[in-house]
Amino acid sequence: MSYPESAPARRPAVVLMAAGVLLVKAVAALAYAVVDLVVLGGTVDAFRTAARDTSASPEQIDDVVTLLRASAVLSAVVAALSAPVLAGLALGLLAGRNGVRVATWVVSGLGLLAGCCSVAVLIGERAAPLQLGSGEQAVAELLGLIGDAYPSWWIPLNAGLSVAQGLGYLVVATLLALPAANAWFGRHRSTAPTVPSAPPAFPHAPHQPPPAPPYPPR
C-alpha cells in the first residue's frame, strides 16, 4: 500500500539568511588564504630591507623571517580549512538537520571568541608594544618592523575581518534561535520516516469437535 507524500515545507527566510551568511564567510575565508600567501613574499622582502638598518645579526633576521612566514602560512591553512566546514554547515542547515544547527551554534561561539581575541591582540599591539630586555634590543627592533613591512591596507583589513567574523557568527546564531527556525527544524525532527509495524496476529480459535448429527444413525 502506498501513502501520499506530504509537500515539503518551505525553508524560512531566517534559515536561508543564516546559510547565506555561512556561504559568504566560506568564500571570504578562501579569498583571505590566497591573499595572505600572495602578500607574504613582498612583506618578507620589505622586512629584510628595513632590517638592514638595525643592529640585528643575520641570524636574528632569519629567525624573525621564519616566524613571519610560519604565522602567515598557519593563518592561511586555518582559513582554507574553515571554508569547507562553513559550507558544509550551510548545506546541512538547508537540509533541515537539527544536529547541524547545534553544531553551527558551537562553531559560532568558537568563531565569535576567536574574533574577539584577534581584535584584542591587534589593539594590544598598538596600545602596548612588546618590551624586551636590554640584551634583546635588536629583536625588539625587528619585531617593530613587522607591522610596517605589510602593505598599509593589510592590518586595517585584518581588523575589519575580525570584527566582521564576530558579527557574522553572532547573526547566524541569532537567526537559528528565532521561532521560525525552531518550528522548521522541529518539524523535520518530528516527521522522521518510520517503518510501519506488522498488524498483530489474531489468536487461533480452540479446536472444537464436529457437531453431533440431529438423529442417531440407523
C-alpha atoms as a PDB file:
ATOM      1  CA  MET A   1       0.000   0.000   0.000  1.00  0.00           C
ATOM      2  CA  SER A   2       1.380   3.408  -0.936  1.00  0.00           C
ATOM      3  CA  TYR A   3       0.824   6.524   1.128  1.00  0.00           C
ATOM      4  CA  PRO A   4       0.644  10.057  -0.363  1.00  0.00           C
ATOM      5  CA  GLU A   5       3.756  12.092   0.333  1.00  0.00           C
ATOM      6  CA  SER A   6       3.276  15.382   2.077  1.00  0.00           C
ATOM      7  CA  ALA A   7       4.514  18.505   0.316  1.00  0.00           C
ATOM      8  CA  PRO A   8       7.877  19.716   1.699  1.00  0.00           C
ATOM      9  CA  ALA A   9       7.675  22.839   3.814  1.00  0.00           C
ATOM     10  CA  ARG A  10       9.362  25.942   2.503  1.00  0.00           C
ATOM     11  CA  ARG A  11      12.544  26.971   4.243  1.00  0.00           C
ATOM     12  CA  PRO A  12      12.048  30.023   6.471  1.00  0.00           C
ATOM     13  CA  ALA A  13      13.809  33.205   5.477  1.00  0.00           C
ATOM     14  CA  VAL A  14      15.878  33.142   8.662  1.00  0.00           C
ATOM     15  CA  VAL A  15      17.339  29.733   7.722  1.00  0.00           C
ATOM     16  CA  LEU A  16      18.137  30.931   4.206  1.00  0.00           C
ATOM     17  CA  MET A  17      19.817  34.035   5.600  1.00  0.00           C
ATOM     18  CA  ALA A  18      21.887  32.018   8.088  1.00  0.00           C
ATOM     19  CA  ALA A  19      23.033  29.623   5.358  1.00  0.00           C
ATOM     20  CA  GLY A  20      23.814  32.566   3.077  1.00  0.00           C
ATOM     21  CA  VAL A  21      25.984  34.226   5.710  1.00  0.00           C
ATOM     22  CA  LEU A  22      27.914  30.980   6.221  1.00  0.00           C
ATOM     23  CA  LEU A  23      28.494  30.609   2.482  1.00  0.00           C
ATOM     24  CA  VAL A  24      29.740  34.191   2.230  1.00  0.00           C
ATOM     25  CA  LYS A  25      32.104  33.552   5.129  1.00  0.00           C
ATOM     26  CA  ALA A  26      33.385  30.397   3.393  1.00  0.00           C
ATOM     27  CA  VAL A  27      34.194  32.320   0.216  1.00  0.00           C
ATOM     28  CA  ALA A  28      35.825  35.101   2.240  1.00  0.00           C
ATOM     29  CA  ALA A  29      37.974  32.550   4.087  1.00  0.00           C
ATOM     30  CA  LEU A  30      39.301  31.139   0.816  1.00  0.00           C
ATOM     31  CA  ALA A  31      39.996  34.624  -0.525  1.00  0.00           C
ATOM     32  CA  TYR A  32      41.836  35.554   2.679  1.00  0.00           C
ATOM     33  CA  ALA A  33      44.013  32.433   2.464  1.00  0.00           C
ATOM     34  CA  VAL A  34      45.038  33.279  -1.108  1.00  0.00           C
ATOM     35  CA  VAL A  35      45.715  36.954  -0.395  1.00  0.00           C
ATOM     36  CA  ASP A  36      47.674  36.077   2.739  1.00  0.00           C
ATOM     37  CA  LEU A  37      50.096  33.905   0.773  1.00  0.00           C
ATOM     38  CA  VAL A  38      50.365  36.421  -2.084  1.00  0.00           C
ATOM     39  CA  VAL A  39      51.232  39.267   0.287  1.00  0.00           C
ATOM     40  CA  LEU A  40      53.797  37.180   2.171  1.00  0.00           C
ATOM     41  CA  GLY A  41      56.566  37.447  -0.430  1.00  0.00           C
ATOM     42  CA  GLY A  42      56.522  41.246  -0.634  1.00  0.00           C
ATOM     43  CA  THR A  43      56.252  41.525   3.146  1.00  0.00           C
ATOM     44  CA  VAL A  44      59.371  39.418   3.695  1.00  0.00           C
ATOM     45  CA  ASP A  45      61.334  41.463   1.141  1.00  0.00           C
ATOM     46  CA  ALA A  46      60.254  44.751   2.733  1.00  0.00           C
ATOM     47  CA  PHE A  47      61.149  43.440   6.176  1.00  0.00           C
ATOM     48  CA  ARG A  48      64.637  42.324   5.134  1.00  0.00           C
ATOM     49  CA  THR A  49      65.297  45.705   3.519  1.00  0.00           C
ATOM     50  CA  ALA A  50      64.270  47.566   6.656  1.00  0.00           C
ATOM     51  CA  ALA A  51      66.164  45.164   8.939  1.00  0.00           C
ATOM     52  CA  ARG A  52      69.495  46.077   7.341  1.00  0.00           C
ATOM     53  CA  ASP A  53      69.479  49.402   9.178  1.00  0.00           C
ATOM     54  CA  THR A  54      69.140  47.760  12.603  1.00  0.00           C
ATOM     55  CA  SER A  55      71.724  46.270  14.917  1.00  0.00           C
ATOM     56  CA  ALA A  56      70.328  42.739  14.454  1.00  0.00           C
ATOM     57  CA  SER A  57      72.533  39.952  13.194  1.00  0.00           C
ATOM     58  CA  PRO A  58      71.678  37.966  10.048  1.00  0.00           C
ATOM     59  CA  GLU A  59      70.719  35.002  12.229  1.00  0.00           C
ATOM     60  CA  GLN A  60      68.258  37.107  14.204  1.00  0.00           C
ATOM     61  CA  ILE A  61      66.758  38.471  10.990  1.00  0.00           C
ATOM     62  CA  ASP A  62      66.355  34.952   9.626  1.00  0.00           C
ATOM     63  CA  ASP A  63      64.635  33.840  12.848  1.00  0.00           C
ATOM     64  CA  VAL A  64      62.087  36.634  12.623  1.00  0.00           C
ATOM     65  CA  VAL A  65      61.518  35.911   8.936  1.00  0.00           C
ATOM     66  CA  THR A  66      60.857  32.265   9.784  1.00  0.00           C
ATOM     67  CA  LEU A  67      58.356  33.351  12.441  1.00  0.00           C
ATOM     68  CA  LEU A  68      56.716  35.707   9.965  1.00  0.00           C
ATOM     69  CA  ARG A  69      56.350  33.012   7.331  1.00  0.00           C
ATOM     70  CA  ALA A  70      55.105  30.403   9.809  1.00  0.00           C
ATOM     71  CA  SER A  71      52.384  32.695  11.164  1.00  0.00           C
ATOM     72  CA  ALA A  72      51.231  33.634   7.656  1.00  0.00           C
ATOM     73  CA  VAL A  73      51.099  30.018   6.461  1.00  0.00           C
ATOM     74  CA  LEU A  74      49.277  28.935   9.617  1.00  0.00           C
ATOM     75  CA  SER A  75      46.676  31.666   9.153  1.00  0.00           C
ATOM     76  CA  ALA A  76      46.180  30.662   5.518  1.00  0.00           C
ATOM     77  CA  VAL A  77      45.797  26.972   6.404  1.00  0.00           C
ATOM     78  CA  VAL A  78      43.240  27.691   9.131  1.00  0.00           C
ATOM     79  CA  ALA A  79      41.262  29.933   6.785  1.00  0.00           C
ATOM     80  CA  ALA A  80      41.347  27.353   3.979  1.00  0.00           C
ATOM     81  CA  LEU A  81      40.200  24.539   6.291  1.00  0.00           C
ATOM     82  CA  SER A  82      37.378  26.617   7.730  1.00  0.00           C
ATOM     83  CA  ALA A  83      35.867  27.212   4.279  1.00  0.00           C
ATOM     84  CA  PRO A  84      34.596  23.629   3.665  1.00  0.00           C
ATOM     85  CA  VAL A  85      33.392  23.419   7.275  1.00  0.00           C
ATOM     86  CA  LEU A  86      31.280  26.553   6.878  1.00  0.00           C
ATOM     87  CA  ALA A  87      29.962  25.392   3.510  1.00  0.00           C
ATOM     88  CA  GLY A  88      29.029  22.006   4.975  1.00  0.00           C
ATOM     89  CA  LEU A  89      27.167  23.662   7.830  1.00  0.00           C
ATOM     90  CA  ALA A  90      25.260  25.835   5.364  1.00  0.00           C
ATOM     91  CA  LEU A  91      24.185  22.805   3.303  1.00  0.00           C
ATOM     92  CA  GLY A  92      23.171  20.947   6.452  1.00  0.00           C
ATOM     93  CA  LEU A  93      21.009  23.852   7.567  1.00  0.00           C
ATOM     94  CA  LEU A  94      19.285  23.970   4.196  1.00  0.00           C
ATOM     95  CA  ALA A  95      18.554  20.249   4.550  1.00  0.00           C
ATOM     96  CA  GLY A  96      16.823  20.867   7.873  1.00  0.00           C
ATOM     97  CA  ARG A  97      19.171  18.839  10.078  1.00  0.00           C
ATOM     98  CA  ASN A  98      18.782  19.873  13.679  1.00  0.00           C
ATOM     99  CA  GLY A  99      22.145  18.366  14.628  1.00  0.00           C
ATOM    100  CA  VAL A 100      23.822  20.674  12.129  1.00  0.00           C
ATOM    101  CA  ARG A 101      22.061  23.619  13.747  1.00  0.00           C
ATOM    102  CA  VAL A 102      23.537  22.647  17.123  1.00  0.00           C
ATOM    103  CA  ALA A 103      26.973  22.250  15.518  1.00  0.00           C
ATOM    104  CA  THR A 104      26.567  25.696  13.939  1.00  0.00           C
ATOM    105  CA  TRP A 105      25.911  27.208  17.357  1.00  0.00           C
ATOM    106  CA  VAL A 106      29.105  25.606  18.672  1.00  0.00           C
ATOM    107  CA  VAL A 107      31.169  26.829  15.717  1.00  0.00           C
ATOM    108  CA  SER A 108      29.619  30.294  16.009  1.00  0.00           C
ATOM    109  CA  GLY A 109      30.591  30.507  19.666  1.00  0.00           C
ATOM    110  CA  LEU A 110      34.171  29.494  18.912  1.00  0.00           C
ATOM    111  CA  GLY A 111      34.347  31.861  15.942  1.00  0.00           C
ATOM    112  CA  LEU A 112      32.987  34.767  17.998  1.00  0.00           C
ATOM    113  CA  LEU A 113      35.593  34.085  20.676  1.00  0.00           C
ATOM    114  CA  ALA A 114      38.381  33.922  18.080  1.00  0.00           C
ATOM    115  CA  GLY A 115      37.251  37.193  16.507  1.00  0.00           C
ATOM    116  CA  CYS A 116      37.221  38.973  19.875  1.00  0.00           C
ATOM    117  CA  CYS A 117      40.688  37.633  20.683  1.00  0.00           C
ATOM    118  CA  SER A 118      42.056  38.811  17.317  1.00  0.00           C
ATOM    119  CA  VAL A 119      40.725  42.322  17.858  1.00  0.00           C
ATOM    120  CA  ALA A 120      42.107  42.372  21.397  1.00  0.00           C
ATOM    121  CA  VAL A 121      45.567  41.314  20.140  1.00  0.00           C
ATOM    122  CA  LEU A 122      45.599  43.993  17.450  1.00  0.00           C
ATOM    123  CA  ILE A 123      44.566  46.673  19.921  1.00  0.00           C
ATOM    124  CA  GLY A 124      47.098  45.445  22.481  1.00  0.00           C
ATOM    125  CA  GLU A 125      49.935  45.528  19.982  1.00  0.00           C
ATOM    126  CA  ARG A 126      49.166  49.156  19.132  1.00  0.00           C
ATOM    127  CA  ALA A 127      48.500  50.289  22.687  1.00  0.00           C
ATOM    128  CA  ALA A 128      51.328  48.448  24.452  1.00  0.00           C
ATOM    129  CA  PRO A 129      54.178  47.301  22.192  1.00  0.00           C
ATOM    130  CA  LEU A 130      56.286  44.345  23.275  1.00  0.00           C
ATOM    131  CA  GLN A 131      59.001  45.332  25.739  1.00  0.00           C
ATOM    132  CA  LEU A 132      62.189  43.269  25.843  1.00  0.00           C
ATOM    133  CA  GLY A 133      65.332  43.454  27.900  1.00  0.00           C
ATOM    134  CA  SER A 134      68.372  45.492  27.031  1.00  0.00           C
ATOM    135  CA  GLY A 135      70.149  42.409  25.710  1.00  0.00           C
ATOM    136  CA  GLU A 136      67.353  41.771  23.210  1.00  0.00           C
ATOM    137  CA  GLN A 137      67.115  45.289  21.815  1.00  0.00           C
ATOM    138  CA  ALA A 138      67.869  44.037  18.295  1.00  0.00           C
ATOM    139  CA  VAL A 139      64.951  41.586  18.436  1.00  0.00           C
ATOM    140  CA  ALA A 140      62.680  44.371  19.658  1.00  0.00           C
ATOM    141  CA  GLU A 141      63.700  46.487  16.688  1.00  0.00           C
ATOM    142  CA  LEU A 142      62.940  43.632  14.286  1.00  0.00           C
ATOM    143  CA  LEU A 143      59.514  42.929  15.768  1.00  0.00           C
ATOM    144  CA  GLY A 144      58.688  46.587  15.488  1.00  0.00           C
ATOM    145  CA  LEU A 145      59.387  46.451  11.745  1.00  0.00           C
ATOM    146  CA  ILE A 146      56.878  43.666  11.018  1.00  0.00           C
ATOM    147  CA  GLY A 147      53.829  45.908  11.052  1.00  0.00           C
ATOM    148  CA  ASP A 148      55.455  48.384   8.671  1.00  0.00           C
ATOM    149  CA  ALA A 149      56.571  45.587   6.318  1.00  0.00           C
ATOM    150  CA  TYR A 150      52.982  44.666   5.473  1.00  0.00           C
ATOM    151  CA  PRO A 151      51.043  46.775   2.951  1.00  0.00           C
ATOM    152  CA  SER A 152      49.337  49.778   4.500  1.00  0.00           C
ATOM    153  CA  TRP A 153      45.902  48.241   3.986  1.00  0.00           C
ATOM    154  CA  TRP A 154      46.710  44.815   5.446  1.00  0.00           C
ATOM    155  CA  ILE A 155      46.372  45.483   9.175  1.00  0.00           C
ATOM    156  CA  PRO A 156      43.131  47.527   8.839  1.00  0.00           C
ATOM    157  CA  LEU A 157      41.781  44.730   6.639  1.00  0.00           C
ATOM    158  CA  ASN A 158      42.581  42.134   9.294  1.00  0.00           C
ATOM    159  CA  ALA A 159      40.934  44.235  11.967  1.00  0.00           C
ATOM    160  CA  GLY A 160      37.829  44.682   9.823  1.00  0.00           C
ATOM    161  CA  LEU A 161      37.671  40.969   9.035  1.00  0.00           C
ATOM    162  CA  SER A 162      37.969  40.084  12.719  1.00  0.00           C
ATOM    163  CA  VAL A 163      35.056  42.361  13.588  1.00  0.00           C
ATOM    164  CA  ALA A 164      33.011  41.074  10.645  1.00  0.00           C
ATOM    165  CA  GLN A 165      33.775  37.490  11.656  1.00  0.00           C
ATOM    166  CA  GLY A 166      32.431  38.011  15.168  1.00  0.00           C
ATOM    167  CA  LEU A 167      29.336  39.842  13.955  1.00  0.00           C
ATOM    168  CA  GLY A 168      28.672  37.210  11.282  1.00  0.00           C
ATOM    169  CA  TYR A 169      28.726  34.356  13.777  1.00  0.00           C
ATOM    170  CA  LEU A 170      26.517  36.336  16.144  1.00  0.00           C
ATOM    171  CA  VAL A 171      23.982  36.958  13.373  1.00  0.00           C
ATOM    172  CA  VAL A 172      23.940  33.287  12.357  1.00  0.00           C
ATOM    173  CA  ALA A 173      23.429  32.080  15.931  1.00  0.00           C
ATOM    174  CA  THR A 174      20.622  34.595  16.474  1.00  0.00           C
ATOM    175  CA  LEU A 175      18.821  33.691  13.242  1.00  0.00           C
ATOM    176  CA  LEU A 176      18.859  29.983  14.085  1.00  0.00           C
ATOM    177  CA  ALA A 177      17.339  30.682  17.508  1.00  0.00           C
ATOM    178  CA  LEU A 178      14.285  32.552  16.178  1.00  0.00           C
ATOM    179  CA  PRO A 179      10.816  30.924  16.447  1.00  0.00           C
ATOM    180  CA  ALA A 180      10.543  30.345  12.689  1.00  0.00           C
ATOM    181  CA  ALA A 181      13.769  28.332  12.685  1.00  0.00           C
ATOM    182  CA  ASN A 182      12.715  26.395  15.788  1.00  0.00           C
ATOM    183  CA  ALA A 183       9.413  25.414  14.180  1.00  0.00           C
ATOM    184  CA  TRP A 184      11.042  24.336  10.914  1.00  0.00           C
ATOM    185  CA  PHE A 185      13.797  22.251  12.475  1.00  0.00           C
ATOM    186  CA  GLY A 186      11.300  20.787  14.936  1.00  0.00           C
ATOM    187  CA  ARG A 187       9.047  19.746  12.051  1.00  0.00           C
ATOM    188  CA  HIS A 188      11.903  17.911  10.343  1.00  0.00           C
ATOM    189  CA  ARG A 189      12.742  16.174  13.603  1.00  0.00           C
ATOM    190  CA  SER A 190       9.144  15.050  14.224  1.00  0.00           C
ATOM    191  CA  THR A 191       8.493  13.849  10.668  1.00  0.00           C
ATOM    192  CA  ALA A 192      11.340  11.350  10.502  1.00  0.00           C
ATOM    193  CA  PRO A 193      10.370   8.305   8.408  1.00  0.00           C
ATOM    194  CA  THR A 194       9.243   5.302  10.434  1.00  0.00           C
ATOM    195  CA  VAL A 195       8.863   1.691   9.377  1.00  0.00           C
ATOM    196  CA  PRO A 196       5.227   0.535   9.753  1.00  0.00           C
ATOM    197  CA  SER A 197       4.832  -2.345  12.151  1.00  0.00           C
ATOM    198  CA  ALA A 198       3.119  -5.572  11.153  1.00  0.00           C
ATOM    199  CA  PRO A 199      -0.520  -5.955  12.250  1.00  0.00           C
ATOM    200  CA  PRO A 200      -0.994  -8.065  15.366  1.00  0.00           C
ATOM    201  CA  ALA A 201      -1.716 -11.726  14.723  1.00  0.00           C
ATOM    202  CA  PHE A 202      -5.087 -12.984  15.840  1.00  0.00           C
ATOM    203  CA  PRO A 203      -5.060 -15.947  18.224  1.00  0.00           C
ATOM    204  CA  HIS A 204      -6.144 -19.253  16.797  1.00  0.00           C
ATOM    205  CA  ALA A 205      -9.566 -20.456  17.833  1.00  0.00           C
ATOM    206  CA  PRO A 206      -9.514 -23.537  20.032  1.00  0.00           C
ATOM    207  CA  HIS A 207     -10.254 -26.831  18.308  1.00  0.00           C
ATOM    208  CA  GLN A 208     -13.878 -27.825  18.607  1.00  0.00           C
ATOM    209  CA  PRO A 209     -15.324 -31.299  17.838  1.00  0.00           C
ATOM    210  CA  PRO A 210     -17.762 -31.507  14.933  1.00  0.00           C
ATOM    211  CA  PRO A 211     -21.444 -31.167  15.926  1.00  0.00           C
ATOM    212  CA  ALA A 212     -23.392 -34.344  16.600  1.00  0.00           C
ATOM    213  CA  PRO A 213     -25.940 -35.373  13.945  1.00  0.00           C
ATOM    214  CA  PRO A 214     -29.563 -34.469  14.812  1.00  0.00           C
ATOM    215  CA  TYR A 215     -30.732 -38.115  14.525  1.00  0.00           C
ATOM    216  CA  PRO A 216     -28.989 -41.262  15.620  1.00  0.00           C
ATOM    217  CA  PRO A 217     -27.580 -43.261  12.746  1.00  0.00           C
ATOM    218  CA  ARG A 218     -29.626 -46.184  11.556  1.00  0.00           C
END
